[in-house]
Protein backbone atom coordinates (compact mmCIF):
# COMPACT_ATOMS: atom_id res chain seq x y z
CA MET A 1 186.04 248.00 57.95
CA SER A 2 188.49 245.43 59.26
CA ASN A 3 185.76 243.62 61.16
CA GLU A 4 183.47 243.72 58.14
CA LEU A 5 186.08 242.04 55.95
CA CYS A 6 186.65 239.35 58.60
CA PHE A 7 183.01 238.28 58.34
CA LYS A 8 182.50 238.46 54.59
CA THR A 9 182.07 235.10 52.91
CA ALA A 10 184.96 233.35 51.25
CA VAL A 11 183.16 233.61 47.93
CA GLU A 12 182.85 237.40 48.34
CA LEU A 13 186.47 237.80 49.43
CA ALA A 14 187.77 235.68 46.56
CA GLY A 15 185.77 237.86 44.16
CA LEU A 16 187.14 241.09 45.63
CA ILE A 17 190.72 239.82 45.23
CA ARG A 18 190.06 238.51 41.71
CA ASP A 19 188.57 241.87 40.66
CA GLY A 20 191.50 243.80 42.09
CA GLU A 21 189.44 245.56 44.77
CA LEU A 22 191.33 243.91 47.60
CA SER A 23 194.85 242.53 47.86
CA ALA A 24 195.86 239.32 49.61
CA ARG A 25 198.17 241.41 51.80
CA GLU A 26 195.32 243.66 52.95
CA LEU A 27 193.05 240.73 53.64
CA LEU A 28 195.73 238.92 55.61
CA GLU A 29 196.50 241.92 57.83
CA VAL A 30 192.90 242.44 58.92
CA HIS A 31 192.68 238.74 59.79
CA LEU A 32 195.98 238.82 61.71
CA ASP A 33 194.64 241.82 63.63
CA GLN A 34 191.48 239.85 64.41
CA ILE A 35 193.55 236.91 65.58
CA GLU A 36 195.62 239.16 67.84
CA ARG A 37 192.47 240.67 69.40
CA ILE A 38 190.32 237.57 69.77
CA ASN A 39 192.42 234.47 69.92
CA PRO A 40 193.79 235.02 73.47
CA GLN A 41 190.22 234.78 74.74
CA VAL A 42 189.32 231.50 72.98
CA ASN A 43 192.64 229.70 72.20
CA ALA A 44 191.57 228.54 68.76
CA ILE A 45 194.80 229.06 66.80
CA VAL A 46 197.66 227.40 68.64
CA THR A 47 200.53 227.90 66.19
CA LEU A 48 200.56 231.24 64.36
CA THR A 49 202.53 231.44 61.12
CA ASP A 50 202.28 235.16 60.49
CA GLU A 51 205.69 235.49 58.75
CA LEU A 52 204.93 232.61 56.38
CA ALA A 53 201.46 234.03 55.73
CA ARG A 54 202.86 237.47 54.86
CA SER A 55 205.32 235.88 52.46
CA GLN A 56 202.57 233.87 50.81
CA ALA A 57 200.23 236.87 50.61
CA SER A 58 202.98 238.91 48.90
CA ALA A 59 203.63 236.09 46.45
CA ALA A 60 199.91 235.86 45.74
CA ASP A 61 199.67 239.58 44.91
CA GLU A 62 202.78 239.48 42.79
CA SER A 63 201.58 236.50 40.77
CA GLN A 64 198.28 238.26 40.19
CA ALA A 65 200.09 241.39 39.03
CA ARG A 66 201.96 239.28 36.49
CA GLY A 67 198.66 238.05 35.10
CA GLU A 68 199.16 234.44 36.15
CA PRO A 69 196.10 232.17 36.55
CA LEU A 70 194.48 232.41 39.98
CA GLY A 71 193.38 229.42 42.00
CA PRO A 72 189.81 229.28 43.34
CA LEU A 73 191.01 230.16 46.87
CA HIS A 74 193.62 232.70 45.78
CA GLY A 75 194.67 234.95 48.66
CA LEU A 76 192.25 233.55 51.25
CA PRO A 77 193.62 233.02 54.77
CA VAL A 78 193.19 229.47 56.06
CA ALA A 79 194.04 227.66 59.28
CA HIS A 80 194.84 223.94 59.38
CA LYS A 81 193.71 221.45 61.99
CA ASP A 82 196.64 220.37 64.19
CA LEU A 83 196.06 216.76 63.25
CA VAL A 84 197.16 217.24 59.63
CA ALA A 85 200.79 217.35 58.60
CA THR A 86 202.09 220.72 57.35
CA ALA A 87 205.59 220.95 55.92
CA GLY A 88 207.72 223.35 57.97
CA ILE A 89 204.88 224.10 60.42
CA ARG A 90 204.72 222.52 63.85
CA THR A 91 202.17 219.69 64.00
CA THR A 92 201.52 218.31 67.47
CA TRP A 93 198.34 216.27 67.34
CA GLY A 94 197.73 217.87 70.74
CA SER A 95 200.18 215.40 72.26
CA PRO A 96 203.25 216.10 74.40
CA ILE A 97 204.95 213.29 72.44
CA TYR A 98 204.93 215.52 69.36
CA ALA A 99 204.94 218.94 71.05
CA ASP A 100 207.88 220.15 68.91
CA PHE A 101 207.41 218.01 65.79
CA VAL A 102 207.78 219.76 62.42
CA PRO A 103 206.85 217.59 59.39
CA SER A 104 208.94 217.68 56.22
CA GLU A 105 205.98 217.00 53.93
CA ASP A 106 202.40 218.22 53.54
CA ALA A 107 199.34 216.03 53.79
CA LEU A 108 197.36 215.76 50.58
CA ILE A 109 194.65 218.25 51.59
CA ILE A 110 197.36 220.79 52.41
CA GLU A 111 198.93 220.25 48.97
CA ARG A 112 195.56 220.94 47.36
CA LEU A 113 194.82 224.02 49.44
CA LYS A 114 198.19 225.53 48.68
CA ALA A 115 197.78 224.77 44.97
CA ALA A 116 194.44 226.61 45.12
CA GLY A 117 196.21 229.74 46.41
CA VAL A 118 195.51 229.90 50.15
CA VAL A 119 197.54 231.87 52.68
CA GLN A 120 198.43 229.76 55.71
CA VAL A 121 197.96 231.58 59.06
CA GLY A 122 198.49 228.66 61.44
CA LYS A 123 197.19 225.53 63.11
CA THR A 124 193.95 225.08 65.07
CA ASN A 125 193.40 223.51 68.46
CA VAL A 126 192.33 219.84 68.84
CA PRO A 127 191.80 217.20 71.53
CA GLU A 128 194.78 214.94 72.06
CA PHE A 129 195.13 212.92 68.87
CA GLY A 130 191.64 214.12 67.91
CA ALA A 131 190.03 211.79 70.42
CA GLY A 132 187.07 213.34 72.21
CA SER A 133 184.17 215.70 71.64
CA GLN A 134 185.80 218.52 73.60
CA THR A 135 188.81 220.47 72.39
CA PHE A 136 191.61 220.53 74.94
CA ASN A 137 195.04 218.96 75.25
CA PRO A 138 198.08 219.04 77.53
CA VAL A 139 200.15 221.01 75.00
CA PHE A 140 197.92 224.04 74.42
CA GLY A 141 195.03 223.76 76.89
CA ALA A 142 191.33 224.22 76.10
CA CYS A 143 189.64 225.96 73.21
CA LEU A 144 186.55 227.85 74.38
CA ASN A 145 183.13 228.45 72.91
CA PRO A 146 182.98 231.85 71.21
CA TYR A 147 179.43 232.54 72.41
CA ASP A 148 180.09 231.63 76.04
CA THR A 149 183.64 230.87 77.12
CA SER A 150 182.38 228.89 80.11
CA ARG A 151 181.02 226.23 77.71
CA THR A 152 182.55 223.75 75.30
CA CYS A 153 183.19 224.46 71.64
CA GLY A 154 182.90 220.75 70.82
CA GLY A 155 185.54 218.73 69.00
CA SER A 156 187.64 217.51 67.55
CA SER A 157 187.74 220.29 64.96
CA GLY A 158 186.97 222.76 67.75
CA GLY A 159 189.76 225.21 67.05
CA ALA A 160 188.71 225.39 63.38
CA ALA A 161 185.07 226.05 64.25
CA VAL A 162 185.95 228.77 66.79
CA ALA A 163 188.39 230.45 64.42
CA LEU A 164 185.65 230.63 61.80
CA ALA A 165 182.97 231.85 64.22
CA CYS A 166 185.31 234.60 65.48
CA GLY A 167 186.25 235.88 62.01
CA MET A 168 189.88 234.77 62.28
CA VAL A 169 189.72 232.92 58.96
CA PRO A 170 187.03 232.52 56.26
CA ILE A 171 187.72 228.80 55.70
CA ALA A 172 189.40 226.00 57.67
CA ASP A 173 190.01 222.28 57.26
CA GLY A 174 188.82 219.60 59.65
CA SER A 175 188.39 215.89 60.03
CA ASP A 176 185.72 213.51 61.32
CA THR A 177 185.55 209.99 62.68
CA GLY A 178 182.50 210.24 64.90
CA GLY A 179 181.25 213.80 64.56
CA SER A 180 184.39 215.95 64.55
CA LEU A 181 183.42 218.12 61.58
CA ARG A 182 179.74 218.32 62.52
CA ASN A 183 179.82 218.55 66.31
CA PRO A 184 181.98 221.70 66.73
CA ALA A 185 180.31 223.41 63.76
CA ASN A 186 177.00 222.84 65.53
CA PHE A 187 178.36 224.28 68.81
CA CYS A 188 179.82 227.36 67.07
CA ASN A 189 177.11 228.15 64.48
CA VAL A 190 179.25 227.43 61.43
CA VAL A 191 179.25 224.72 58.72
CA GLY A 192 181.22 221.47 58.89
CA PHE A 193 180.67 218.98 56.07
CA ARG A 194 181.39 215.30 56.50
CA ASN A 195 181.72 214.00 52.96
CA SER A 196 181.59 210.42 51.75
CA PRO A 197 184.75 208.36 52.36
CA GLY A 198 187.03 208.86 49.38
CA ARG A 199 185.44 212.12 48.23
CA VAL A 200 188.37 213.92 49.87
CA PRO A 201 191.29 211.49 49.66
CA VAL A 202 193.26 211.09 52.89
CA HIS A 203 197.02 210.76 52.60
CA PRO A 204 199.21 209.84 54.37
CA THR A 205 197.38 207.36 56.52
CA GLU A 206 198.23 204.02 58.09
CA LEU A 207 194.85 202.56 57.01
CA GLY A 208 194.28 203.36 53.38
CA TRP A 209 191.04 201.40 53.16
CA PHE A 210 189.47 202.69 56.40
CA PRO A 211 186.08 204.14 55.52
CA ILE A 212 185.13 205.87 58.76
CA SER A 213 187.60 208.74 59.17
CA VAL A 214 187.39 211.56 56.64
CA GLN A 215 188.84 215.01 56.11
CA GLY A 216 186.73 217.89 54.90
CA PRO A 217 185.87 221.59 54.69
CA MET A 218 184.55 224.05 57.27
CA ALA A 219 183.30 227.59 56.68
CA ARG A 220 180.61 230.02 57.80
CA THR A 221 178.23 229.34 54.89
CA VAL A 222 177.23 226.34 52.82
CA GLU A 223 178.40 228.07 49.64
CA ASP A 224 181.86 228.67 51.13
CA THR A 225 182.01 225.06 52.27
CA ALA A 226 181.16 223.89 48.78
CA LEU A 227 183.86 226.14 47.32
CA MET A 228 186.45 224.64 49.64
CA LEU A 229 185.22 221.10 48.91
CA SER A 230 185.71 221.78 45.16
CA VAL A 231 189.41 222.12 45.92
CA LEU A 232 189.75 219.23 48.36
CA ALA A 233 187.77 216.63 46.37
CA GLY A 234 189.00 214.55 43.45
CA PRO A 235 190.94 211.31 42.90
CA ASP A 236 194.48 210.60 43.91
CA PRO A 237 196.42 207.44 42.92
CA ARG A 238 197.87 207.11 46.43
CA VAL A 239 194.46 206.64 48.00
CA PRO A 240 192.75 203.33 47.13
CA ILE A 241 189.23 204.47 48.08
CA SER A 242 189.39 207.88 46.38
CA LEU A 243 186.38 208.66 44.20
CA ALA A 244 186.98 209.34 40.52
CA GLU A 245 184.94 212.50 40.08
CA SER A 246 186.61 215.89 39.99
CA GLY A 247 185.73 218.35 42.74
CA GLU A 248 184.90 221.12 40.26
CA SER A 249 181.18 220.29 40.28
CA PHE A 250 180.97 221.66 43.82
CA ARG A 251 181.91 225.10 42.50
CA GLY A 252 178.60 225.50 40.63
CA SER A 253 175.45 227.24 41.78
CA LEU A 254 173.62 225.74 44.72
CA GLU A 255 170.27 227.20 43.62
CA ARG A 256 167.57 224.63 42.74
CA ASP A 257 163.82 224.04 42.78
CA PHE A 258 162.78 222.02 45.84
CA SER A 259 159.17 221.56 44.77
CA GLY A 260 158.03 218.04 45.59
CA VAL A 261 161.37 216.97 47.10
CA ARG A 262 160.75 214.32 49.78
CA VAL A 263 162.46 215.02 53.11
CA ALA A 264 162.43 212.74 56.14
CA TRP A 265 162.68 214.31 59.61
CA SER A 266 163.81 212.18 62.53
CA ARG A 267 164.04 213.55 66.03
CA ALA A 268 166.07 210.61 67.37
CA LEU A 269 166.56 207.91 64.73
CA GLY A 270 163.99 205.92 66.61
CA SER A 271 165.42 205.30 70.06
CA PHE A 272 168.24 207.70 70.92
CA PRO A 273 167.65 210.02 73.92
CA VAL A 274 167.30 213.59 72.61
CA ASP A 275 167.35 216.48 75.03
CA ASP A 276 164.14 218.52 74.97
CA ALA A 277 166.18 221.70 74.46
CA VAL A 278 167.64 220.29 71.23
CA ALA A 279 164.28 219.20 69.88
CA GLY A 280 162.74 222.46 70.99
CA ALA A 281 165.25 224.45 68.96
CA LEU A 282 164.85 222.39 65.78
CA GLU A 283 161.23 221.31 65.51
CA PRO A 284 159.77 224.85 65.14
CA GLN A 285 162.01 225.30 62.08
CA LEU A 286 160.66 222.36 60.13
CA GLU A 287 158.03 224.50 58.40
CA ALA A 288 160.88 226.03 56.40
CA PHE A 289 160.97 222.85 54.31
CA SER A 290 157.30 223.18 53.42
CA THR A 291 157.83 226.86 52.60
CA ILE A 292 160.31 225.95 49.83
CA GLY A 293 158.06 223.22 48.47
CA CYS A 294 159.33 220.05 50.11
CA THR A 295 157.19 217.19 51.32
CA LEU A 296 158.17 216.47 54.90
CA ASP A 297 157.59 213.10 56.60
CA HIS A 298 158.47 211.86 60.07
CA ALA A 299 160.56 208.78 59.19
CA HIS A 300 163.95 207.25 59.68
CA PRO A 301 165.98 204.20 58.64
CA ASP A 302 166.51 201.27 60.97
CA PHE A 303 169.81 202.08 62.66
CA ARG A 304 170.07 199.02 64.85
CA ASP A 305 173.65 197.76 65.32
CA ALA A 306 175.18 201.08 64.26
CA ASP A 307 176.66 201.72 67.71
CA PHE A 308 178.26 198.27 67.86
CA CYS A 309 179.69 198.60 64.34
CA PHE A 310 181.17 202.01 64.99
CA LYS A 311 182.71 201.15 68.34
CA THR A 312 184.17 197.90 67.05
CA LEU A 313 185.77 199.47 63.98
CA ARG A 314 186.97 202.53 65.91
CA ALA A 315 188.67 200.27 68.48
CA TRP A 316 190.31 198.34 65.64
CA ALA A 317 191.65 201.58 64.18
CA PHE A 318 192.85 202.84 67.57
CA GLU A 319 194.68 199.57 68.16
CA SER A 320 196.43 199.86 64.80
CA LYS A 321 197.40 203.50 65.35
CA PHE A 322 198.19 203.73 69.02
CA SER A 323 199.45 200.33 70.21
CA PRO A 324 203.03 201.10 69.14
CA LEU A 325 202.92 204.43 71.00
CA LEU A 326 201.56 202.74 74.15
CA GLU A 327 204.65 200.56 74.35
CA GLU A 328 206.97 203.58 74.59
CA HIS A 329 204.87 206.57 75.72
CA ARG A 330 201.97 205.18 77.77
CA ASP A 331 202.48 207.79 80.48
CA LYS A 332 202.04 210.61 77.91
CA ILE A 333 198.74 209.39 76.43
CA LYS A 334 195.31 210.12 77.88
CA GLU A 335 193.26 207.34 79.37
CA THR A 336 190.43 207.36 76.84
CA ILE A 337 192.90 206.60 74.02
CA ILE A 338 194.55 203.85 76.06
CA TRP A 339 191.16 202.34 76.83
CA ASN A 340 190.07 202.30 73.18
CA ALA A 341 193.37 200.92 71.90
CA GLU A 342 193.26 198.15 74.49
CA ALA A 343 189.67 197.40 73.54
CA GLY A 344 190.96 196.89 70.00
CA GLN A 345 193.68 194.57 71.24
CA GLN A 346 191.03 192.37 72.86
CA GLN A 347 188.94 192.01 69.71
CA SER A 348 189.01 188.84 67.62
CA GLY A 349 188.76 188.26 63.91
CA PRO A 350 185.14 187.11 64.32
CA ASP A 351 184.37 190.40 66.17
CA ILE A 352 185.56 192.42 63.18
CA ALA A 353 183.76 190.12 60.76
CA ARG A 354 180.47 190.52 62.67
CA ALA A 355 180.82 194.29 62.64
CA GLU A 356 181.38 194.25 58.89
CA ARG A 357 178.38 191.99 58.28
CA LEU A 358 176.14 194.22 60.40
CA ARG A 359 177.53 197.36 58.77
CA THR A 360 176.74 195.93 55.32
CA ALA A 361 173.16 195.20 56.40
CA LEU A 362 172.87 198.75 57.84
CA PHE A 363 174.14 200.20 54.56
CA HIS A 364 171.41 198.41 52.60
CA ARG A 365 168.68 199.50 55.02
CA VAL A 366 169.76 203.12 54.69
CA ARG A 367 170.17 202.77 50.90
CA GLU A 368 166.64 201.45 50.54
CA PHE A 369 165.30 204.21 52.77
CA MET A 370 167.03 206.90 50.69
CA ASP A 371 165.40 205.52 47.55
CA ASP A 372 162.22 207.16 48.93
CA TYR A 373 163.75 210.34 50.40
CA GLU A 374 166.28 212.73 48.96
CA PHE A 375 167.23 214.14 52.36
CA LEU A 376 167.24 212.89 55.95
CA VAL A 377 167.11 215.77 58.43
CA LEU A 378 168.01 215.17 62.07
CA PRO A 379 169.79 216.73 65.03
CA CYS A 380 173.55 216.96 64.79
CA LEU A 381 173.77 216.31 68.55
CA LEU A 382 171.49 214.52 70.95
CA TYR A 383 172.58 216.35 74.10
CA THR A 384 175.69 218.13 75.30
CA SER A 385 177.79 218.96 78.23
CA ASP A 386 178.36 222.58 79.20
CA ALA A 387 181.83 221.89 80.50
CA ALA A 388 185.04 222.68 78.59
CA ASP A 389 186.56 219.36 79.59
CA ASP A 390 186.34 215.71 78.53
CA THR A 391 182.76 215.19 79.70
CA PRO A 392 181.07 213.23 76.89
CA CYS A 393 179.01 214.87 74.16
CA VAL A 394 176.86 212.34 72.38
CA ASP A 395 176.40 212.81 68.64
CA LEU A 396 174.70 210.71 65.99
CA GLY A 397 177.99 209.96 64.29
CA GLY A 398 179.12 207.84 67.21
């Protein structure tokens, strides 16, 4: 029974709690038992907040008994990525510089999750400062793939993806600059949704206008991911690029008629090297789109210059974020971060301007392409490394 509850959907669990068939306390205990059994084998949850979680679960049950309004995530256990600030809970960013750091304030997405009624069970493993497509760091070590612990779980939201896949939590938050919500979800057979910049406002951040890094939901099903997005999305006056629409629309039914919907399939966006094993896993499934009534074409936008734009703007962001740390803690920062920050230091104003011009042109090419197609379907990853180390994984996000 405990294992069954751990793998029910978040929507089902929220309904059981709302209907009085399951208490938040009961749900928490079966998940804590699952964490105790499984986490030592995969190292997904690196800071466990069981006492806090039990206090929150008790408060959730008591408020429900008083007849108070319930949030959409009332009583659901959640784990937070160790890159996001959590008041009173250690937040390390996977760095020895912050190995014992405890924030005094919550990040915005944590505020929203708590307001929606979640029960906080801990923090999930990340690469150092979230940099890299493998999840390991010098503070907590490596997070391992739940299907084969000799292989990578991806990153940077690797701990979140593994915790979901192993039934340790029904929902988890993540973030994404170049694939970090999508990559580990793909490796661990769960769902990670990179939303549009501003859909989930990011606060605090040093770069309030930066459009590449986002925070978002992860779960085991699309419906659960949408439920979590309904809580995370919505405007905030502290975030200049936040979108005005409420997140409540994501709580509606996902059912629809796909008859005649035009879908574009691209194996490689034209020129990227895709491993035959990746294509071999995906291409036989394409008939599913025809089965539900879609019209499927082999087509893709012109993605030239995307790599240059991404690497230029990422280096600019790394320079802004990490250059002050390099001056004082260079010996405690991994080489890939140092390299990218120094690449940003070497960039000129014209370099940034060129990247923005090319990115604008890319946006219009994709916009015009999507006038003809409602969906673009493509591999999440081109090819992967088997190793649970910092060997590169190449993904289409950069």
